[in-house]
Protein backbone atom coordinates (compact mmCIF):
# COMPACT_ATOMS: atom_id res chain seq x y z
CA MET A 1 -9.14 -15.69 -22.22
CA THR A 2 -7.70 -12.46 -20.80
CA HIS A 3 -5.89 -12.79 -17.52
CA PRO A 4 -8.12 -11.36 -14.77
CA ILE A 5 -5.23 -9.55 -12.97
CA ARG A 6 -3.63 -6.88 -15.13
CA PRO A 7 -1.22 -4.61 -13.20
CA ALA A 8 -1.25 -1.00 -14.51
CA GLY A 9 1.66 0.17 -12.20
CA PHE A 10 2.21 0.89 -8.61
CA ASP A 11 -0.59 2.57 -6.64
CA HIS A 12 1.46 3.09 -3.49
CA ILE A 13 4.23 1.77 -1.34
CA VAL A 14 4.20 1.88 2.50
CA LEU A 15 7.38 2.65 4.40
CA ARG A 16 7.61 2.12 8.18
CA VAL A 17 9.43 5.14 9.72
CA VAL A 18 10.90 6.27 13.06
CA ASP A 19 11.37 10.01 12.28
CA LYS A 20 8.33 11.15 10.35
CA ASP A 21 9.40 14.78 10.13
CA ALA A 22 12.80 13.86 8.60
CA MET A 23 11.14 11.56 6.15
CA ILE A 24 8.57 14.17 5.05
CA ALA A 25 11.37 16.71 4.71
CA PHE A 26 13.41 14.39 2.51
CA TYR A 27 10.52 13.44 0.19
CA ARG A 28 9.11 16.96 0.04
CA ASP A 29 12.29 19.12 0.04
CA VAL A 30 14.82 16.80 -1.62
CA LEU A 31 12.63 14.83 -4.01
CA GLY A 32 9.89 17.44 -4.70
CA CYS A 33 6.90 15.31 -3.50
CA GLU A 34 3.96 16.84 -1.85
CA VAL A 35 2.16 15.89 1.35
CA ASN A 36 -1.12 14.58 0.11
CA TRP A 37 -2.92 13.74 3.39
CA ASP A 38 -1.59 13.60 6.97
CA ARG A 39 -3.56 11.26 9.21
CA PRO A 40 -1.92 11.50 12.72
CA GLU A 41 -4.72 9.40 14.34
CA LEU A 42 -3.30 6.43 12.33
CA GLY A 43 0.36 7.50 12.25
CA LEU A 44 0.07 7.75 8.49
CA THR A 45 1.08 10.39 5.99
CA HIS A 46 0.39 10.09 2.27
CA ILE A 47 3.11 11.64 0.09
CA ARG A 48 2.20 12.24 -3.64
CA ALA A 49 4.88 11.00 -6.14
CA GLY A 50 3.37 11.74 -9.51
CA ALA A 51 0.43 9.39 -10.06
CA SER A 52 1.51 7.18 -7.09
CA LEU A 53 1.76 7.56 -3.34
CA ILE A 54 4.46 6.91 -0.81
CA ASP A 55 2.80 6.21 2.52
CA LEU A 56 4.89 6.88 5.61
CA VAL A 57 3.71 4.89 8.68
CA THR A 58 5.24 5.71 12.03
CA VAL A 59 6.36 2.51 13.86
CA ASP A 60 4.75 3.76 17.09
CA GLY A 61 1.42 4.71 15.48
CA LYS A 62 -1.74 2.59 15.22
CA LEU A 63 -0.82 1.04 11.84
CA GLY A 64 2.95 0.86 12.25
CA ALA A 65 2.88 -1.01 15.54
CA VAL A 66 1.47 -4.06 13.72
CA GLY A 67 4.77 -4.47 11.89
CA GLY A 68 6.83 -4.98 15.09
CA ALA A 69 10.30 -3.45 15.62
CA ALA A 70 11.50 -0.28 13.94
CA PRO A 71 13.29 -0.51 10.56
CA GLY A 72 16.81 -1.91 10.90
CA LYS A 73 18.60 -5.20 11.20
CA GLU A 74 15.57 -6.92 13.00
CA GLY A 75 12.67 -4.87 11.74
CA ARG A 76 10.85 -4.50 8.48
CA ASN A 77 10.76 -1.20 6.67
CA LEU A 78 8.40 -2.13 3.77
CA ASP A 79 4.88 -2.83 5.06
CA HIS A 80 3.43 -3.73 1.71
CA PHE A 81 3.23 -2.62 -1.90
CA ALA A 82 0.12 -2.10 -3.98
CA LEU A 83 -0.36 -2.86 -7.64
CA ALA A 84 -3.04 -0.78 -9.48
CA ILE A 85 -5.23 -3.43 -11.21
CA ARG A 86 -7.17 -2.36 -14.29
CA PRO A 87 -9.88 -3.42 -14.87
CA PHE A 88 -10.72 -4.51 -11.39
CA ASP A 89 -13.10 -7.36 -12.04
CA GLU A 90 -13.40 -8.54 -8.39
CA PRO A 91 -15.27 -11.87 -9.04
CA ALA A 92 -12.80 -12.87 -11.77
CA ILE A 93 -9.84 -11.87 -9.53
CA ARG A 94 -11.21 -13.92 -6.53
CA ALA A 95 -11.79 -16.91 -8.81
CA HIS A 96 -8.31 -16.67 -10.18
CA LEU A 97 -6.63 -16.43 -6.74
CA ALA A 98 -8.75 -19.37 -5.53
CA ALA A 99 -7.74 -21.46 -8.54
CA HIS A 100 -4.10 -20.87 -7.60
CA GLY A 101 -4.62 -21.65 -3.93
CA ILE A 102 -3.97 -18.09 -2.88
CA ARG A 103 -5.75 -17.09 0.32
CA ILE A 104 -7.01 -13.48 0.67
CA ALA A 105 -5.40 -12.11 3.80
CA ASP A 106 -7.48 -8.90 3.99
CA GLU A 107 -9.85 -6.93 1.91
CA GLY A 108 -12.07 -3.85 1.77
CA PRO A 109 -12.11 -0.27 0.60
CA ARG A 110 -8.80 1.62 1.10
CA TYR A 111 -7.41 4.98 0.22
CA GLY A 112 -4.80 4.92 -2.57
CA ALA A 113 -3.32 7.20 -5.18
CA GLU A 114 -6.67 7.64 -7.01
CA GLY A 115 -8.81 7.86 -3.82
CA GLU A 116 -10.78 5.27 -1.97
CA GLY A 117 -11.43 2.03 -3.76
CA PRO A 118 -11.53 -1.77 -3.47
CA SER A 119 -8.44 -3.68 -2.45
CA ILE A 120 -7.49 -7.27 -1.84
CA TYR A 121 -4.37 -8.25 0.13
CA VAL A 122 -2.45 -11.48 -0.60
CA LEU A 123 0.86 -12.83 0.55
CA ASP A 124 3.67 -13.77 -1.85
CA PRO A 125 5.60 -17.11 -1.21
CA GLU A 126 8.09 -15.35 1.12
CA GLY A 127 5.40 -13.66 3.21
CA ASN A 128 5.45 -10.16 1.56
CA THR A 129 2.09 -8.49 1.53
CA VAL A 130 0.83 -7.47 -1.96
CA GLU A 131 -2.27 -5.30 -2.28
CA LEU A 132 -4.29 -5.53 -5.47
CA LYS A 133 -5.84 -2.09 -5.65
CA GLY A 134 -8.83 -1.14 -7.70
CA PRO A 135 -9.74 2.39 -9.02
CA SER A 136 -11.46 5.05 -6.91
CA GLU A 137 -15.17 4.42 -6.31
CA GLY A 138 -15.90 8.12 -6.41
């Protein structure tokens, strides 16, 4: 039997940031990435890094405030990381997670490196959020 979860690589990572402009300048001007989509209403900027995305989430924005304090000694910088899952057989993935006693923390369509598609959030044993990201639905 083929394993139902087959990572194809990283879809995106999410960094919590204090100075969005400085972070955009670094990834754009220093590393050669492009701003893919700026979503100020969420405090979220998608930066294209090849086939993947680096999402910058401002700590005082709608999404970033959920993570608590700003990055530093007492705050988290990494919100979650997403693995691109191919194929994305959702019923098989759900059954596999349940068989291992893994609770789904969140789910639903989300925007990623390939566009909007299905995603399932789970927590690893140390509380890190891992997103299992399906391909674009469009």
